[in-house]
Amino acid sequence: MLHLADADATAAFAVVLGARLTPGDTVLLSGPVGAGKTHFARALIQSILHAPEDVPSPTFTLVQTYDTIRGPLWHTDLYRVSADTEIDELGLIEAFDDAICLVEWPDRLGSVTPAAALGIALQADGDARDAVLTWTDPRWVDRLAGVLQDA
């Protein structure tokens, strides 16, 4: 578990992770409403954009796409999705192969959850956040080396 003392620490962790992501990487951001998922995603995205731009929450659009210095990035919020078929209609399954994907509310993915994804479960504790990182794909061991120390 990684303890993030405040919003700035959460953003700093997102920036460090963003610098290590490449197309084909998926980060699953889970936690209750207010846990900091969108704040984390916004900081990560802004840190790898070619030029500053607004990074809105995709709560209503479901998907926002960006051209970044690390490759194409898809930011999706699946809170309003109720069936796997809606995921397919978004084009997200193909994006898992070709883009960096940040997925809020990943429990909605069901059977299409990428096996190689990095999970980050956020829990708010006042202004602080606790982040639990999980993965099964061994590539994350190298990819995350030093991340916890740099955050």
N, C-alpha and C. Protein backbone atom coordinates (compact mmCIF):
# COMPACT_ATOMS: atom_id res chain seq x y z
N MET A 1 0.84 -1.18 0.00
CA MET A 1 0.00 0.00 0.00
C MET A 1 0.88 1.24 0.00
N LEU A 2 0.43 2.22 -0.75
CA LEU A 2 1.13 3.49 -0.86
C LEU A 2 0.25 4.55 -0.21
N HIS A 3 0.80 5.25 0.78
CA HIS A 3 0.05 6.33 1.44
C HIS A 3 0.41 7.64 0.75
N LEU A 4 -0.60 8.33 0.26
CA LEU A 4 -0.43 9.61 -0.42
C LEU A 4 -1.02 10.68 0.49
N ALA A 5 -0.17 11.55 1.01
CA ALA A 5 -0.55 12.46 2.09
C ALA A 5 -1.62 13.48 1.72
N ASP A 6 -1.69 13.85 0.44
CA ASP A 6 -2.66 14.87 0.02
C ASP A 6 -2.85 14.80 -1.49
N ALA A 7 -3.63 15.73 -2.03
CA ALA A 7 -3.91 15.75 -3.47
C ALA A 7 -2.64 15.93 -4.28
N ASP A 8 -1.70 16.74 -3.79
CA ASP A 8 -0.44 16.94 -4.50
C ASP A 8 0.37 15.65 -4.58
N ALA A 9 0.37 14.86 -3.51
CA ALA A 9 1.09 13.59 -3.51
C ALA A 9 0.43 12.60 -4.46
N THR A 10 -0.89 12.63 -4.53
CA THR A 10 -1.61 11.77 -5.46
C THR A 10 -1.25 12.15 -6.89
N ALA A 11 -1.23 13.44 -7.19
CA ALA A 11 -0.86 13.91 -8.53
C ALA A 11 0.59 13.56 -8.85
N ALA A 12 1.49 13.70 -7.88
CA ALA A 12 2.90 13.37 -8.10
C ALA A 12 3.07 11.90 -8.44
N PHE A 13 2.35 11.03 -7.75
CA PHE A 13 2.40 9.60 -8.06
C PHE A 13 1.90 9.35 -9.47
N ALA A 14 0.83 10.02 -9.89
CA ALA A 14 0.30 9.87 -11.23
C ALA A 14 1.32 10.30 -12.29
N VAL A 15 2.04 11.39 -12.04
CA VAL A 15 3.05 11.89 -12.97
C VAL A 15 4.18 10.87 -13.13
N VAL A 16 4.64 10.31 -12.03
CA VAL A 16 5.71 9.31 -12.07
C VAL A 16 5.26 8.08 -12.86
N LEU A 17 4.06 7.63 -12.61
CA LEU A 17 3.55 6.47 -13.33
C LEU A 17 3.36 6.79 -14.81
N GLY A 18 2.81 7.95 -15.12
CA GLY A 18 2.58 8.33 -16.50
C GLY A 18 3.83 8.29 -17.36
N ALA A 19 4.96 8.65 -16.78
CA ALA A 19 6.22 8.66 -17.52
C ALA A 19 6.69 7.25 -17.88
N ARG A 20 6.07 6.23 -17.32
CA ARG A 20 6.48 4.85 -17.54
C ARG A 20 5.50 4.06 -18.40
N LEU A 21 4.39 4.67 -18.78
CA LEU A 21 3.38 3.96 -19.53
C LEU A 21 3.64 4.00 -21.03
N THR A 22 3.24 2.94 -21.72
CA THR A 22 3.35 2.85 -23.17
C THR A 22 2.05 2.29 -23.74
N PRO A 23 1.81 2.52 -25.04
CA PRO A 23 0.60 1.95 -25.65
C PRO A 23 0.50 0.45 -25.37
N GLY A 24 -0.70 0.03 -25.03
CA GLY A 24 -0.94 -1.36 -24.62
C GLY A 24 -1.04 -1.52 -23.12
N ASP A 25 -0.69 -0.47 -22.37
CA ASP A 25 -0.81 -0.50 -20.91
C ASP A 25 -2.21 -0.04 -20.51
N THR A 26 -2.80 -0.76 -19.58
CA THR A 26 -4.10 -0.38 -19.04
C THR A 26 -3.98 -0.23 -17.54
N VAL A 27 -4.50 0.88 -17.02
CA VAL A 27 -4.52 1.15 -15.59
C VAL A 27 -5.99 1.20 -15.17
N LEU A 28 -6.34 0.33 -14.24
CA LEU A 28 -7.71 0.23 -13.74
C LEU A 28 -7.80 0.98 -12.42
N LEU A 29 -8.56 2.07 -12.41
CA LEU A 29 -8.68 2.93 -11.24
C LEU A 29 -9.99 2.65 -10.52
N SER A 30 -9.90 2.07 -9.36
CA SER A 30 -11.11 1.75 -8.60
C SER A 30 -11.12 2.47 -7.27
N GLY A 31 -12.29 2.51 -6.69
CA GLY A 31 -12.49 3.16 -5.40
C GLY A 31 -13.84 3.85 -5.40
N PRO A 32 -14.32 4.21 -4.23
CA PRO A 32 -15.64 4.86 -4.14
C PRO A 32 -15.62 6.26 -4.73
N VAL A 33 -16.80 6.83 -4.92
CA VAL A 33 -16.93 8.21 -5.35
C VAL A 33 -16.12 9.08 -4.38
N GLY A 34 -15.31 9.98 -4.93
CA GLY A 34 -14.51 10.88 -4.11
C GLY A 34 -13.16 10.32 -3.69
N ALA A 35 -12.80 9.14 -4.18
CA ALA A 35 -11.52 8.53 -3.79
C ALA A 35 -10.32 9.15 -4.50
N GLY A 36 -10.55 9.90 -5.58
CA GLY A 36 -9.45 10.55 -6.28
C GLY A 36 -9.12 9.94 -7.63
N LYS A 37 -9.99 9.11 -8.18
CA LYS A 37 -9.73 8.46 -9.46
C LYS A 37 -9.54 9.49 -10.59
N THR A 38 -10.47 10.41 -10.69
CA THR A 38 -10.39 11.40 -11.77
C THR A 38 -9.23 12.37 -11.54
N HIS A 39 -8.98 12.73 -10.30
CA HIS A 39 -7.84 13.60 -9.99
C HIS A 39 -6.54 12.92 -10.42
N PHE A 40 -6.40 11.65 -10.10
CA PHE A 40 -5.22 10.88 -10.49
C PHE A 40 -5.10 10.85 -12.02
N ALA A 41 -6.19 10.49 -12.70
CA ALA A 41 -6.16 10.39 -14.16
C ALA A 41 -5.83 11.73 -14.80
N ARG A 42 -6.44 12.79 -14.31
CA ARG A 42 -6.21 14.13 -14.86
C ARG A 42 -4.74 14.53 -14.73
N ALA A 43 -4.14 14.29 -13.57
CA ALA A 43 -2.72 14.64 -13.36
C ALA A 43 -1.83 13.82 -14.29
N LEU A 44 -2.12 12.54 -14.43
CA LEU A 44 -1.32 11.67 -15.30
C LEU A 44 -1.42 12.17 -16.74
N ILE A 45 -2.63 12.40 -17.21
CA ILE A 45 -2.82 12.84 -18.59
C ILE A 45 -2.13 14.17 -18.85
N GLN A 46 -2.34 15.14 -17.98
CA GLN A 46 -1.73 16.46 -18.18
C GLN A 46 -0.21 16.38 -18.20
N SER A 47 0.36 15.44 -17.48
CA SER A 47 1.82 15.33 -17.42
C SER A 47 2.44 14.78 -18.71
N ILE A 48 1.63 14.15 -19.56
CA ILE A 48 2.20 13.57 -20.79
C ILE A 48 1.60 14.17 -22.07
N LEU A 49 0.81 15.24 -21.94
CA LEU A 49 0.28 15.92 -23.12
C LEU A 49 1.39 16.68 -23.83
N HIS A 50 1.24 16.83 -25.15
CA HIS A 50 2.19 17.64 -25.92
C HIS A 50 2.12 19.10 -25.51
N ALA A 51 0.92 19.58 -25.25
CA ALA A 51 0.69 20.96 -24.82
C ALA A 51 -0.46 20.95 -23.83
N PRO A 52 -0.45 21.88 -22.88
CA PRO A 52 -1.53 21.90 -21.88
C PRO A 52 -2.91 22.02 -22.54
N GLU A 53 -3.86 21.30 -22.01
CA GLU A 53 -5.25 21.41 -22.45
C GLU A 53 -6.16 20.96 -21.32
N ASP A 54 -7.42 21.31 -21.45
CA ASP A 54 -8.40 20.91 -20.45
C ASP A 54 -8.56 19.40 -20.49
N VAL A 55 -8.65 18.78 -19.32
CA VAL A 55 -8.85 17.34 -19.20
C VAL A 55 -10.14 17.13 -18.41
N PRO A 56 -11.26 17.09 -19.12
CA PRO A 56 -12.54 16.92 -18.43
C PRO A 56 -12.75 15.48 -17.98
N SER A 57 -13.62 15.31 -17.02
CA SER A 57 -14.02 13.97 -16.60
C SER A 57 -14.86 13.35 -17.70
N PRO A 58 -14.63 12.09 -18.04
CA PRO A 58 -15.45 11.45 -19.06
C PRO A 58 -16.74 10.81 -18.52
N THR A 59 -17.22 11.29 -17.39
CA THR A 59 -18.42 10.71 -16.78
C THR A 59 -19.60 10.68 -17.75
N PHE A 60 -19.80 11.75 -18.51
CA PHE A 60 -20.96 11.80 -19.40
C PHE A 60 -20.61 11.41 -20.83
N THR A 61 -19.38 11.66 -21.27
CA THR A 61 -18.98 11.28 -22.63
C THR A 61 -18.52 9.83 -22.68
N LEU A 62 -18.24 9.24 -21.54
CA LEU A 62 -17.74 7.87 -21.35
C LEU A 62 -16.27 7.72 -21.74
N VAL A 63 -15.83 8.37 -22.82
CA VAL A 63 -14.44 8.25 -23.26
C VAL A 63 -13.93 9.62 -23.70
N GLN A 64 -12.71 9.93 -23.30
CA GLN A 64 -11.97 11.08 -23.82
C GLN A 64 -10.66 10.52 -24.35
N THR A 65 -10.24 10.95 -25.53
CA THR A 65 -8.98 10.48 -26.10
C THR A 65 -8.00 11.64 -26.22
N TYR A 66 -6.73 11.30 -26.12
CA TYR A 66 -5.66 12.29 -26.16
C TYR A 66 -4.49 11.76 -26.96
N ASP A 67 -3.80 12.66 -27.65
CA ASP A 67 -2.53 12.35 -28.30
C ASP A 67 -1.46 12.85 -27.34
N THR A 68 -0.66 11.93 -26.79
CA THR A 68 0.33 12.30 -25.78
C THR A 68 1.74 11.98 -26.26
N ILE A 69 2.72 12.44 -25.51
CA ILE A 69 4.11 12.14 -25.84
C ILE A 69 4.44 10.66 -25.64
N ARG A 70 3.57 9.94 -24.94
CA ARG A 70 3.75 8.50 -24.70
C ARG A 70 2.93 7.66 -25.67
N GLY A 71 2.14 8.30 -26.53
CA GLY A 71 1.27 7.60 -27.47
C GLY A 71 -0.18 7.93 -27.21
N PRO A 72 -1.09 7.32 -27.96
CA PRO A 72 -2.51 7.61 -27.76
C PRO A 72 -2.97 7.17 -26.38
N LEU A 73 -3.86 7.95 -25.79
CA LEU A 73 -4.38 7.63 -24.46
C LEU A 73 -5.89 7.74 -24.48
N TRP A 74 -6.54 6.74 -23.89
CA TRP A 74 -8.00 6.74 -23.72
C TRP A 74 -8.28 6.81 -22.24
N HIS A 75 -9.09 7.79 -21.84
CA HIS A 75 -9.54 7.90 -20.45
C HIS A 75 -11.03 7.63 -20.46
N THR A 76 -11.45 6.63 -19.72
CA THR A 76 -12.86 6.26 -19.73
C THR A 76 -13.39 6.13 -18.31
N ASP A 77 -14.64 6.53 -18.17
CA ASP A 77 -15.36 6.41 -16.90
C ASP A 77 -16.57 5.55 -17.18
N LEU A 78 -16.58 4.35 -16.63
CA LEU A 78 -17.62 3.37 -16.94
C LEU A 78 -18.76 3.36 -15.92
N TYR A 79 -18.83 4.37 -15.08
CA TYR A 79 -19.84 4.39 -14.02
C TYR A 79 -21.26 4.18 -14.57
N ARG A 80 -21.56 4.77 -15.72
CA ARG A 80 -22.90 4.69 -16.28
C ARG A 80 -23.11 3.50 -17.22
N VAL A 81 -22.09 2.67 -17.40
CA VAL A 81 -22.19 1.51 -18.28
C VAL A 81 -22.82 0.35 -17.51
N SER A 82 -23.75 -0.34 -18.18
CA SER A 82 -24.45 -1.41 -17.48
C SER A 82 -24.25 -2.78 -18.11
N ALA A 83 -23.63 -2.86 -19.30
CA ALA A 83 -23.47 -4.16 -19.96
C ALA A 83 -22.16 -4.21 -20.74
N ASP A 84 -21.58 -5.41 -20.85
CA ASP A 84 -20.35 -5.61 -21.61
C ASP A 84 -20.49 -5.13 -23.05
N THR A 85 -21.67 -5.27 -23.62
CA THR A 85 -21.88 -4.88 -25.02
C THR A 85 -21.63 -3.39 -25.22
N GLU A 86 -21.90 -2.58 -24.20
CA GLU A 86 -21.63 -1.15 -24.30
C GLU A 86 -20.13 -0.88 -24.38
N ILE A 87 -19.34 -1.69 -23.71
CA ILE A 87 -17.87 -1.56 -23.75
C ILE A 87 -17.40 -1.78 -25.18
N ASP A 88 -17.92 -2.81 -25.83
CA ASP A 88 -17.56 -3.13 -27.20
C ASP A 88 -17.92 -1.98 -28.13
N GLU A 89 -19.09 -1.38 -27.92
CA GLU A 89 -19.53 -0.27 -28.76
C GLU A 89 -18.64 0.95 -28.63
N LEU A 90 -17.99 1.12 -27.50
CA LEU A 90 -17.09 2.26 -27.29
C LEU A 90 -15.78 2.13 -28.07
N GLY A 91 -15.43 0.90 -28.49
CA GLY A 91 -14.15 0.66 -29.14
C GLY A 91 -13.03 0.45 -28.14
N LEU A 92 -13.37 0.31 -26.89
CA LEU A 92 -12.36 0.21 -25.83
C LEU A 92 -11.55 -1.07 -25.92
N ILE A 93 -12.16 -2.15 -26.35
CA ILE A 93 -11.44 -3.43 -26.42
C ILE A 93 -10.25 -3.32 -27.38
N GLU A 94 -10.44 -2.67 -28.52
CA GLU A 94 -9.33 -2.46 -29.46
C GLU A 94 -8.30 -1.49 -28.87
N ALA A 95 -8.78 -0.49 -28.14
CA ALA A 95 -7.86 0.49 -27.54
C ALA A 95 -6.92 -0.17 -26.54
N PHE A 96 -7.36 -1.23 -25.88
CA PHE A 96 -6.50 -1.92 -24.92
C PHE A 96 -5.20 -2.38 -25.58
N ASP A 97 -5.24 -2.69 -26.86
CA ASP A 97 -4.05 -3.15 -27.58
C ASP A 97 -3.18 -2.01 -28.09
N ASP A 98 -3.82 -0.88 -28.45
CA ASP A 98 -3.13 0.17 -29.19
C ASP A 98 -2.89 1.47 -28.44
N ALA A 99 -3.44 1.61 -27.26
CA ALA A 99 -3.36 2.89 -26.55
C ALA A 99 -3.07 2.65 -25.08
N ILE A 100 -2.69 3.69 -24.40
CA ILE A 100 -2.65 3.69 -22.95
C ILE A 100 -4.10 3.90 -22.52
N CYS A 101 -4.62 3.06 -21.65
CA CYS A 101 -6.01 3.18 -21.23
C CYS A 101 -6.09 3.38 -19.72
N LEU A 102 -6.78 4.42 -19.32
CA LEU A 102 -7.09 4.67 -17.92
C LEU A 102 -8.58 4.43 -17.75
N VAL A 103 -8.94 3.47 -16.92
CA VAL A 103 -10.33 3.06 -16.79
C VAL A 103 -10.81 3.29 -15.37
N GLU A 104 -11.76 4.22 -15.21
CA GLU A 104 -12.42 4.40 -13.92
C GLU A 104 -13.64 3.49 -13.88
N TRP A 105 -13.93 2.94 -12.71
CA TRP A 105 -15.01 1.98 -12.51
C TRP A 105 -14.79 0.71 -13.34
N PRO A 106 -13.60 0.10 -13.21
CA PRO A 106 -13.26 -1.06 -14.04
C PRO A 106 -14.10 -2.31 -13.74
N ASP A 107 -14.82 -2.34 -12.62
CA ASP A 107 -15.68 -3.49 -12.35
C ASP A 107 -16.73 -3.65 -13.44
N ARG A 108 -17.04 -2.59 -14.20
CA ARG A 108 -18.03 -2.65 -15.28
C ARG A 108 -17.49 -3.40 -16.50
N LEU A 109 -16.16 -3.63 -16.55
CA LEU A 109 -15.58 -4.33 -17.70
C LEU A 109 -15.96 -5.81 -17.74
N GLY A 110 -16.19 -6.39 -16.59
CA GLY A 110 -16.55 -7.80 -16.55
C GLY A 110 -15.54 -8.68 -17.25
N SER A 111 -15.99 -9.50 -18.17
CA SER A 111 -15.14 -10.48 -18.84
C SER A 111 -14.13 -9.88 -19.80
N VAL A 112 -14.25 -8.60 -20.13
CA VAL A 112 -13.30 -7.99 -21.06
C VAL A 112 -12.18 -7.24 -20.33
N THR A 113 -12.07 -7.42 -19.03
CA THR A 113 -10.99 -6.80 -18.27
C THR A 113 -9.65 -7.35 -18.76
N PRO A 114 -8.73 -6.47 -19.18
CA PRO A 114 -7.43 -6.95 -19.65
C PRO A 114 -6.66 -7.66 -18.52
N ALA A 115 -6.20 -8.86 -18.79
CA ALA A 115 -5.49 -9.64 -17.79
C ALA A 115 -4.17 -8.98 -17.39
N ALA A 116 -3.58 -8.21 -18.29
CA ALA A 116 -2.27 -7.62 -18.04
C ALA A 116 -2.35 -6.23 -17.41
N ALA A 117 -3.54 -5.80 -16.98
CA ALA A 117 -3.72 -4.45 -16.46
C ALA A 117 -3.08 -4.27 -15.08
N LEU A 118 -2.76 -3.02 -14.79
CA LEU A 118 -2.33 -2.60 -13.46
C LEU A 118 -3.56 -2.07 -12.74
N GLY A 119 -3.86 -2.61 -11.58
CA GLY A 119 -4.97 -2.11 -10.78
C GLY A 119 -4.48 -1.14 -9.72
N ILE A 120 -5.17 -0.04 -9.58
CA ILE A 120 -4.89 0.92 -8.51
C ILE A 120 -6.20 1.19 -7.80
N ALA A 121 -6.31 0.71 -6.58
CA ALA A 121 -7.50 0.93 -5.76
C ALA A 121 -7.20 2.09 -4.82
N LEU A 122 -7.99 3.15 -4.94
CA LEU A 122 -7.81 4.34 -4.12
C LEU A 122 -8.87 4.39 -3.03
N GLN A 123 -8.44 4.83 -1.88
CA GLN A 123 -9.36 5.00 -0.75
C GLN A 123 -9.02 6.32 -0.08
N ALA A 124 -10.02 7.17 0.10
CA ALA A 124 -9.80 8.47 0.73
C ALA A 124 -9.74 8.32 2.24
N ASP A 125 -8.86 9.11 2.84
CA ASP A 125 -8.74 9.20 4.29
C ASP A 125 -8.54 10.68 4.61
N GLY A 126 -9.63 11.44 4.64
CA GLY A 126 -9.52 12.89 4.75
C GLY A 126 -8.94 13.43 3.47
N ASP A 127 -7.90 14.24 3.55
CA ASP A 127 -7.22 14.76 2.35
C ASP A 127 -6.25 13.74 1.77
N ALA A 128 -5.90 12.73 2.55
CA ALA A 128 -4.94 11.72 2.12
C ALA A 128 -5.64 10.63 1.30
N ARG A 129 -4.83 9.85 0.59
CA ARG A 129 -5.32 8.70 -0.16
C ARG A 129 -4.40 7.53 0.12
N ASP A 130 -4.98 6.36 0.19
CA ASP A 130 -4.21 5.13 0.21
C ASP A 130 -4.42 4.46 -1.14
N ALA A 131 -3.34 4.01 -1.74
CA ALA A 131 -3.40 3.35 -3.05
C ALA A 131 -2.84 1.94 -2.91
N VAL A 132 -3.62 0.97 -3.35
CA VAL A 132 -3.17 -0.42 -3.38
C VAL A 132 -2.98 -0.79 -4.84
N LEU A 133 -1.76 -1.19 -5.19
CA LEU A 133 -1.43 -1.56 -6.56
C LEU A 133 -1.44 -3.08 -6.68
N THR A 134 -2.09 -3.59 -7.72
CA THR A 134 -2.14 -5.03 -7.97
C THR A 134 -1.91 -5.30 -9.45
N TRP A 135 -1.30 -6.44 -9.74
CA TRP A 135 -1.07 -6.86 -11.11
C TRP A 135 -0.74 -8.34 -11.11
N THR A 136 -0.87 -8.94 -12.29
CA THR A 136 -0.46 -10.33 -12.48
C THR A 136 0.60 -10.44 -13.56
N ASP A 137 0.64 -9.50 -14.48
CA ASP A 137 1.61 -9.53 -15.58
C ASP A 137 2.98 -9.12 -15.05
N PRO A 138 4.01 -9.96 -15.28
CA PRO A 138 5.33 -9.66 -14.73
C PRO A 138 5.98 -8.38 -15.27
N ARG A 139 5.49 -7.84 -16.39
CA ARG A 139 6.09 -6.60 -16.91
C ARG A 139 5.96 -5.45 -15.92
N TRP A 140 4.94 -5.51 -15.05
CA TRP A 140 4.73 -4.41 -14.11
C TRP A 140 5.81 -4.37 -13.03
N VAL A 141 6.46 -5.47 -12.76
CA VAL A 141 7.54 -5.48 -11.77
C VAL A 141 8.63 -4.51 -12.19
N ASP A 142 9.09 -4.63 -13.44
CA ASP A 142 10.12 -3.72 -13.96
C ASP A 142 9.56 -2.31 -14.14
N ARG A 143 8.35 -2.22 -14.67
CA ARG A 143 7.74 -0.93 -14.97
C ARG A 143 7.56 -0.11 -13.68
N LEU A 144 7.29 -0.78 -12.58
CA LEU A 144 7.03 -0.08 -11.31
C LEU A 144 8.27 0.05 -10.43
N ALA A 145 9.38 -0.52 -10.87
CA ALA A 145 10.62 -0.42 -10.07
C ALA A 145 10.92 1.05 -9.80
N GLY A 146 11.01 1.41 -8.55
CA GLY A 146 11.30 2.78 -8.16
C GLY A 146 10.10 3.70 -8.09
N VAL A 147 8.95 3.27 -8.62
CA VAL A 147 7.78 4.15 -8.62
C VAL A 147 7.38 4.53 -7.21
N LEU A 148 7.33 3.58 -6.32
CA LEU A 148 6.89 3.86 -4.96
C LEU A 148 7.86 4.81 -4.26
N GLN A 149 9.14 4.70 -4.59
CA GLN A 149 10.12 5.61 -3.97
C GLN A 149 10.06 7.00 -4.60
N ASP A 150 9.72 7.06 -5.91
CA ASP A 150 9.71 8.36 -6.63
C ASP A 150 8.44 9.14 -6.36
N ALA A 151 7.38 8.46 -5.91
CA ALA A 151 6.09 9.13 -5.75
C ALA A 151 6.10 10.04 -4.54
